[in-house]
């Protein structure tokens, strides 16, 4: 008879603590994992000129189509800009006076 180890399941435990601790059950034994840190992202002012985004009420908002991005990361802003507004890259070249005036 094969005795395969059971799959682990992760449970979140937070009882009057500020930090979330995660407990994992492996083969019916409890193992404590490190607390998870929450990630925070800050908007960089250069992104306003590079990708036509700005911060409005703690949300990252596109100046061209007025849509908001969930997480203010450079990759998310760049993907949005290149996918939807690629024309602006050629009409307003990076580091030009036209682009600075447009923003």
Protein backbone atom coordinates (compact mmCIF):
# COMPACT_ATOMS: atom_id res chain seq x y z
CA UNK A 1 0.00 0.00 0.00
CA UNK A 2 1.37 3.41 -0.99
CA UNK A 3 1.35 6.04 1.70
CA UNK A 4 1.48 9.34 -0.12
CA UNK A 5 1.79 12.54 1.88
CA UNK A 6 -1.41 14.53 2.06
CA UNK A 7 -1.65 17.83 0.29
CA UNK A 8 -1.07 20.85 2.48
CA UNK A 9 -3.85 23.31 3.18
CA UNK A 10 -3.18 26.84 4.37
CA UNK A 11 -5.46 28.45 6.93
CA UNK A 12 -5.50 32.12 7.86
CA UNK A 13 -5.58 32.83 11.58
CA UNK A 14 -6.10 36.33 12.93
CA UNK A 15 -7.53 36.68 16.38
CA UNK A 16 -6.93 40.06 18.03
CA UNK A 17 -3.57 40.31 16.30
CA UNK A 18 -2.52 42.98 13.87
CA UNK A 19 -0.38 40.58 11.83
CA UNK A 20 -1.89 37.69 9.91
CA UNK A 21 -0.29 34.36 10.70
CA UNK A 22 -0.74 31.45 8.36
CA UNK A 23 -0.86 27.87 9.59
CA UNK A 24 -0.40 24.95 7.26
CA UNK A 25 -1.64 21.45 7.86
CA UNK A 26 0.79 18.88 6.47
CA UNK A 27 0.07 15.23 7.23
CA UNK A 28 -2.26 16.33 10.04
CA UNK A 29 0.49 18.38 11.72
CA UNK A 30 0.32 22.13 12.13
CA UNK A 31 3.22 24.21 10.85
CA UNK A 32 3.39 27.96 11.46
CA UNK A 33 4.48 30.10 8.52
CA UNK A 34 5.98 33.59 8.60
CA UNK A 35 3.58 36.51 8.79
CA UNK A 36 2.72 38.06 5.45
CA UNK A 37 3.75 41.67 4.86
CA UNK A 38 1.36 43.88 2.98
CA UNK A 39 2.91 45.52 -0.07
CA UNK A 40 2.44 49.19 -0.71
CA UNK A 41 3.20 50.93 -3.97
CA UNK A 42 3.92 54.62 -4.38
CA UNK A 43 3.23 56.68 -7.44
CA UNK A 44 6.33 58.11 -9.07
CA UNK A 45 5.96 61.66 -10.42
CA UNK A 46 7.95 60.74 -13.57
CA UNK A 47 5.14 58.38 -14.62
CA UNK A 48 2.88 61.38 -15.20
CA UNK A 49 5.05 62.48 -18.12
CA UNK A 50 6.10 59.00 -19.27
CA UNK A 51 2.70 57.26 -19.24
CA UNK A 52 0.14 60.11 -18.86
CA UNK A 53 -1.05 58.96 -15.42
CA UNK A 54 -1.71 60.90 -12.24
CA UNK A 55 -3.01 60.22 -8.73
CA UNK A 56 -6.63 61.22 -8.05
CA UNK A 57 -8.14 60.37 -4.64
CA UNK A 58 -5.53 57.64 -3.97
CA UNK A 59 -6.18 56.00 -7.36
CA UNK A 60 -3.91 55.95 -10.38
CA UNK A 61 -5.88 57.59 -13.20
CA UNK A 62 -5.08 57.81 -16.93
CA UNK A 63 -5.08 61.38 -18.25
CA UNK A 64 -6.08 60.26 -21.75
CA UNK A 65 -9.01 57.89 -21.22
CA UNK A 66 -9.74 58.67 -17.52
CA UNK A 67 -9.68 55.00 -16.51
CA UNK A 68 -8.11 53.93 -13.23
CA UNK A 69 -5.53 51.21 -12.59
CA UNK A 70 -5.94 49.01 -9.52
CA UNK A 71 -2.30 48.92 -8.40
CA UNK A 72 0.10 51.77 -9.15
CA UNK A 73 3.02 49.75 -10.47
CA UNK A 74 5.20 50.85 -13.36
CA UNK A 75 4.50 47.65 -15.31
CA UNK A 76 0.73 48.10 -15.05
CA UNK A 77 0.91 51.71 -16.23
CA UNK A 78 3.28 50.87 -19.07
CA UNK A 79 1.09 47.96 -20.25
CA UNK A 80 -2.02 50.16 -20.27
CA UNK A 81 -0.25 52.98 -22.10
CA UNK A 82 1.34 50.79 -24.79
CA UNK A 83 -1.78 48.69 -25.35
CA UNK A 84 -4.37 51.47 -25.54
CA UNK A 85 -2.48 54.69 -26.31
CA UNK A 86 0.44 53.62 -28.48
CA UNK A 87 -0.32 56.49 -30.89
CA UNK A 88 0.72 59.00 -28.23
CA UNK A 89 4.20 57.45 -28.15
CA UNK A 90 4.81 58.55 -31.76
CA UNK A 91 2.83 61.82 -31.72
CA UNK A 92 4.47 63.03 -28.50
CA UNK A 93 8.00 61.55 -28.34
CA UNK A 94 9.45 60.84 -24.88
CA UNK A 95 11.47 63.65 -23.26
CA UNK A 96 10.14 66.27 -25.70
CA UNK A 97 8.60 69.64 -24.99
CA UNK A 98 5.38 68.59 -26.76
CA UNK A 99 4.91 65.74 -24.31
CA UNK A 100 5.55 67.95 -21.27
CA UNK A 101 3.01 70.50 -22.53
CA UNK A 102 0.43 67.77 -23.18
CA UNK A 103 0.58 66.56 -19.58
